[in-house]
Amino acid sequence: MTTYETISNFSQMTGLLYFFGMFVAVLIYALWPRNKKKFDEASTIPLRED
């Protein structure tokens, strides 16, 4: 028989793993060498006087 605690523990663990996976994916995207030029250009936008 499935109890509330079992379902709660399963959903908490699934949510934790999902958000940890998303954090790792964003971290990899931000630190990927191919994206360096894009982020360097974006970091100078506030300093431009267009």
PDB file of N, CA and C in Angstrom:
ATOM      1  N   MET A   1       0.847  -1.186   0.000  1.00  0.00           N
ATOM      2  CA  MET A   1       0.000   0.000   0.000  1.00  0.00           C
ATOM      3  C   MET A   1       0.891   1.248   0.000  1.00  0.00           C
ATOM      4  N   THR A   2       0.570   2.178  -0.856  1.00  0.00           N
ATOM      5  CA  THR A   2       1.320   3.421  -0.962  1.00  0.00           C
ATOM      6  C   THR A   2       0.800   4.413   0.070  1.00  0.00           C
ATOM      7  N   THR A   3       1.717   4.970   0.816  1.00  0.00           N
ATOM      8  CA  THR A   3       1.323   5.939   1.825  1.00  0.00           C
ATOM      9  C   THR A   3       1.704   7.347   1.362  1.00  0.00           C
ATOM     10  N   TYR A   4       1.168   8.289   2.082  1.00  0.00           N
ATOM     11  CA  TYR A   4       1.486   9.687   1.790  1.00  0.00           C
ATOM     12  C   TYR A   4       2.978   9.940   1.928  1.00  0.00           C
ATOM     13  N   GLU A   5       3.602   9.367   2.931  1.00  0.00           N
ATOM     14  CA  GLU A   5       5.035   9.576   3.154  1.00  0.00           C
ATOM     15  C   GLU A   5       5.862   9.036   1.996  1.00  0.00           C
ATOM     16  N   THR A   6       5.478   7.909   1.451  1.00  0.00           N
ATOM     17  CA  THR A   6       6.204   7.320   0.323  1.00  0.00           C
ATOM     18  C   THR A   6       6.115   8.228  -0.895  1.00  0.00           C
ATOM     19  N   ILE A   7       4.932   8.692  -1.180  1.00  0.00           N
ATOM     20  CA  ILE A   7       4.742   9.590  -2.329  1.00  0.00           C
ATOM     21  C   ILE A   7       5.478  10.905  -2.104  1.00  0.00           C
ATOM     22  N   SER A   8       5.412  11.421  -0.887  1.00  0.00           N
ATOM     23  CA  SER A   8       6.097  12.669  -0.554  1.00  0.00           C
ATOM     24  C   SER A   8       7.609  12.517  -0.700  1.00  0.00           C
ATOM     25  N   ASN A   9       8.169  11.450  -0.193  1.00  0.00           N
ATOM     26  CA  ASN A   9       9.605  11.222  -0.309  1.00  0.00           C
ATOM     27  C   ASN A   9      10.023  11.068  -1.769  1.00  0.00           C
ATOM     28  N   PHE A  10       9.233  10.347  -2.543  1.00  0.00           N
ATOM     29  CA  PHE A  10       9.547  10.156  -3.960  1.00  0.00           C
ATOM     30  C   PHE A  10       9.525  11.491  -4.706  1.00  0.00           C
ATOM     31  N   SER A  11       8.500  12.301  -4.470  1.00  0.00           N
ATOM     32  CA  SER A  11       8.403  13.581  -5.189  1.00  0.00           C
ATOM     33  C   SER A  11       9.493  14.551  -4.738  1.00  0.00           C
ATOM     34  N   GLN A  12       9.863  14.532  -3.469  1.00  0.00           N
ATOM     35  CA  GLN A  12      10.941  15.394  -2.992  1.00  0.00           C
ATOM     36  C   GLN A  12      12.269  14.996  -3.621  1.00  0.00           C
ATOM     37  N   MET A  13      12.542  13.714  -3.695  1.00  0.00           N
ATOM     38  CA  MET A  13      13.794  13.239  -4.281  1.00  0.00           C
ATOM     39  C   MET A  13      13.828  13.522  -5.782  1.00  0.00           C
ATOM     40  N   THR A  14      12.711  13.319  -6.445  1.00  0.00           N
ATOM     41  CA  THR A  14      12.643  13.599  -7.881  1.00  0.00           C
ATOM     42  C   THR A  14      12.863  15.083  -8.147  1.00  0.00           C
ATOM     43  N   GLY A  15      12.237  15.943  -7.362  1.00  0.00           N
ATOM     44  CA  GLY A  15      12.423  17.384  -7.523  1.00  0.00           C
ATOM     45  C   GLY A  15      13.845  17.806  -7.257  1.00  0.00           C
ATOM     46  N   LEU A  16      14.450  17.237  -6.225  1.00  0.00           N
ATOM     47  CA  LEU A  16      15.839  17.557  -5.909  1.00  0.00           C
ATOM     48  C   LEU A  16      16.759  17.151  -7.058  1.00  0.00           C
ATOM     49  N   LEU A  17      16.588  15.957  -7.578  1.00  0.00           N
ATOM     50  CA  LEU A  17      17.423  15.493  -8.689  1.00  0.00           C
ATOM     51  C   LEU A  17      17.193  16.329  -9.943  1.00  0.00           C
ATOM     52  N   TYR A  18      15.948  16.716 -10.203  1.00  0.00           N
ATOM     53  CA  TYR A  18      15.626  17.546 -11.363  1.00  0.00           C
ATOM     54  C   TYR A  18      16.328  18.903 -11.264  1.00  0.00           C
ATOM     55  N   PHE A  19      16.208  19.576 -10.143  1.00  0.00           N
ATOM     56  CA  PHE A  19      16.815  20.889  -9.997  1.00  0.00           C
ATOM     57  C   PHE A  19      18.337  20.814  -9.947  1.00  0.00           C
ATOM     58  N   PHE A  20      18.885  19.758  -9.375  1.00  0.00           N
ATOM     59  CA  PHE A  20      20.328  19.573  -9.393  1.00  0.00           C
ATOM     60  C   PHE A  20      20.813  19.361 -10.827  1.00  0.00           C
ATOM     61  N   GLY A  21      20.077  18.574 -11.597  1.00  0.00           N
ATOM     62  CA  GLY A  21      20.425  18.360 -13.001  1.00  0.00           C
ATOM     63  C   GLY A  21      20.356  19.656 -13.803  1.00  0.00           C
ATOM     64  N   MET A  22      19.347  20.469 -13.553  1.00  0.00           N
ATOM     65  CA  MET A  22      19.234  21.749 -14.253  1.00  0.00           C
ATOM     66  C   MET A  22      20.376  22.681 -13.855  1.00  0.00           C
ATOM     67  N   PHE A  23      20.762  22.690 -12.587  1.00  0.00           N
ATOM     68  CA  PHE A  23      21.873  23.509 -12.130  1.00  0.00           C
ATOM     69  C   PHE A  23      23.166  23.102 -12.823  1.00  0.00           C
ATOM     70  N   VAL A  24      23.406  21.801 -12.911  1.00  0.00           N
ATOM     71  CA  VAL A  24      24.611  21.309 -13.574  1.00  0.00           C
ATOM     72  C   VAL A  24      24.591  21.673 -15.052  1.00  0.00           C
ATOM     73  N   ALA A  25      23.430  21.564 -15.703  1.00  0.00           N
ATOM     74  CA  ALA A  25      23.316  21.902 -17.123  1.00  0.00           C
ATOM     75  C   ALA A  25      23.607  23.386 -17.366  1.00  0.00           C
ATOM     76  N   VAL A  26      23.080  24.253 -16.525  1.00  0.00           N
ATOM     77  CA  VAL A  26      23.327  25.691 -16.673  1.00  0.00           C
ATOM     78  C   VAL A  26      24.790  26.007 -16.397  1.00  0.00           C
ATOM     79  N   LEU A  27      25.369  25.365 -15.419  1.00  0.00           N
ATOM     80  CA  LEU A  27      26.778  25.575 -15.108  1.00  0.00           C
ATOM     81  C   LEU A  27      27.669  25.146 -16.274  1.00  0.00           C
ATOM     82  N   ILE A  28      27.375  24.010 -16.857  1.00  0.00           N
ATOM     83  CA  ILE A  28      28.151  23.544 -18.014  1.00  0.00           C
ATOM     84  C   ILE A  28      27.992  24.516 -19.182  1.00  0.00           C
ATOM     85  N   TYR A  29      26.766  24.979 -19.419  1.00  0.00           N
ATOM     86  CA  TYR A  29      26.526  25.929 -20.509  1.00  0.00           C
ATOM     87  C   TYR A  29      27.310  27.219 -20.285  1.00  0.00           C
ATOM     88  N   ALA A  30      27.305  27.712 -19.058  1.00  0.00           N
ATOM     89  CA  ALA A  30      27.975  28.978 -18.768  1.00  0.00           C
ATOM     90  C   ALA A  30      29.492  28.863 -18.859  1.00  0.00           C
ATOM     91  N   LEU A  31      30.039  27.701 -18.567  1.00  0.00           N
ATOM     92  CA  LEU A  31      31.487  27.542 -18.555  1.00  0.00           C
ATOM     93  C   LEU A  31      32.035  26.874 -19.813  1.00  0.00           C
ATOM     94  N   TRP A  32      31.176  26.560 -20.771  1.00  0.00           N
ATOM     95  CA  TRP A  32      31.624  25.914 -22.006  1.00  0.00           C
ATOM     96  C   TRP A  32      32.491  26.890 -22.799  1.00  0.00           C
ATOM     97  N   PRO A  33      33.680  26.472 -23.234  1.00  0.00           N
ATOM     98  CA  PRO A  33      34.603  27.397 -23.913  1.00  0.00           C
ATOM     99  C   PRO A  33      34.021  28.048 -25.171  1.00  0.00           C
ATOM    100  N   ARG A  34      33.148  27.382 -25.872  1.00  0.00           N
ATOM    101  CA  ARG A  34      32.577  27.924 -27.104  1.00  0.00           C
ATOM    102  C   ARG A  34      31.710  29.164 -26.819  1.00  0.00           C
ATOM    103  N   ASN A  35      31.160  29.294 -25.627  1.00  0.00           N
ATOM    104  CA  ASN A  35      30.279  30.411 -25.284  1.00  0.00           C
ATOM    105  C   ASN A  35      31.034  31.618 -24.729  1.00  0.00           C
ATOM    106  N   LYS A  36      32.340  31.522 -24.586  1.00  0.00           N
ATOM    107  CA  LYS A  36      33.126  32.600 -23.986  1.00  0.00           C
ATOM    108  C   LYS A  36      32.977  33.913 -24.751  1.00  0.00           C
ATOM    109  N   LYS A  37      33.067  33.865 -26.069  1.00  0.00           N
ATOM    110  CA  LYS A  37      32.973  35.081 -26.868  1.00  0.00           C
ATOM    111  C   LYS A  37      31.608  35.753 -26.691  1.00  0.00           C
ATOM    112  N   LYS A  38      30.562  34.953 -26.681  1.00  0.00           N
ATOM    113  CA  LYS A  38      29.210  35.496 -26.521  1.00  0.00           C
ATOM    114  C   LYS A  38      29.056  36.201 -25.175  1.00  0.00           C
ATOM    115  N   PHE A  39      29.575  35.594 -24.106  1.00  0.00           N
ATOM    116  CA  PHE A  39      29.464  36.192 -22.784  1.00  0.00           C
ATOM    117  C   PHE A  39      30.384  37.403 -22.630  1.00  0.00           C
ATOM    118  N   ASP A  40      31.545  37.372 -23.274  1.00  0.00           N
ATOM    119  CA  ASP A  40      32.430  38.538 -23.234  1.00  0.00           C
ATOM    120  C   ASP A  40      31.785  39.740 -23.922  1.00  0.00           C
ATOM    121  N   GLU A  41      31.130  39.501 -25.054  1.00  0.00           N
ATOM    122  CA  GLU A  41      30.437  40.595 -25.750  1.00  0.00           C
ATOM    123  C   GLU A  41      29.274  41.120 -24.906  1.00  0.00           C
ATOM    124  N   ALA A  42      28.540  40.233 -24.284  1.00  0.00           N
ATOM    125  CA  ALA A  42      27.400  40.648 -23.464  1.00  0.00           C
ATOM    126  C   ALA A  42      27.849  41.434 -22.236  1.00  0.00           C
ATOM    127  N   SER A  43      29.033  41.145 -21.729  1.00  0.00           N
ATOM    128  CA  SER A  43      29.496  41.847 -20.530  1.00  0.00           C
ATOM    129  C   SER A  43      29.885  43.293 -20.810  1.00  0.00           C
ATOM    130  N   THR A  44      30.120  43.636 -22.075  1.00  0.00           N
ATOM    131  CA  THR A  44      30.492  45.022 -22.401  1.00  0.00           C
ATOM    132  C   THR A  44      29.311  45.865 -22.841  1.00  0.00           C
ATOM    133  N   ILE A  45      28.126  45.299 -22.910  1.00  0.00           N
ATOM    134  CA  ILE A  45      26.935  46.057 -23.360  1.00  0.00           C
ATOM    135  C   ILE A  45      26.675  47.282 -22.498  1.00  0.00           C
ATOM    136  N   PRO A  46      26.734  47.193 -21.167  1.00  0.00           N
ATOM    137  CA  PRO A  46      26.456  48.392 -20.359  1.00  0.00           C
ATOM    138  C   PRO A  46      27.486  49.520 -20.561  1.00  0.00           C
ATOM    139  N   LEU A  47      28.646  49.202 -21.050  1.00  0.00           N
ATOM    140  CA  LEU A  47      29.697  50.212 -21.212  1.00  0.00           C
ATOM    141  C   LEU A  47      29.663  50.895 -22.576  1.00  0.00           C
ATOM    142  N   ARG A  48      28.857  50.406 -23.477  1.00  0.00           N
ATOM    143  CA  ARG A  48      28.794  51.000 -24.820  1.00  0.00           C
ATOM    144  C   ARG A  48      28.022  52.315 -24.796  1.00  0.00           C
ATOM    145  N   GLU A  49      28.444  53.224 -25.645  1.00  0.00           N
ATOM    146  CA  GLU A  49      27.739  54.516 -25.773  1.00  0.00           C
ATOM    147  C   GLU A  49      27.203  54.625 -27.191  1.00  0.00           C
ATOM    148  N   ASP A  50      26.150  53.871 -27.462  1.00  0.00           N
ATOM    149  CA  ASP A  50      25.571  53.876 -28.823  1.00  0.00           C
ATOM    150  C   ASP A  50      24.662  55.064 -29.039  1.00  0.00           C
TER     151      ASP A  50
END
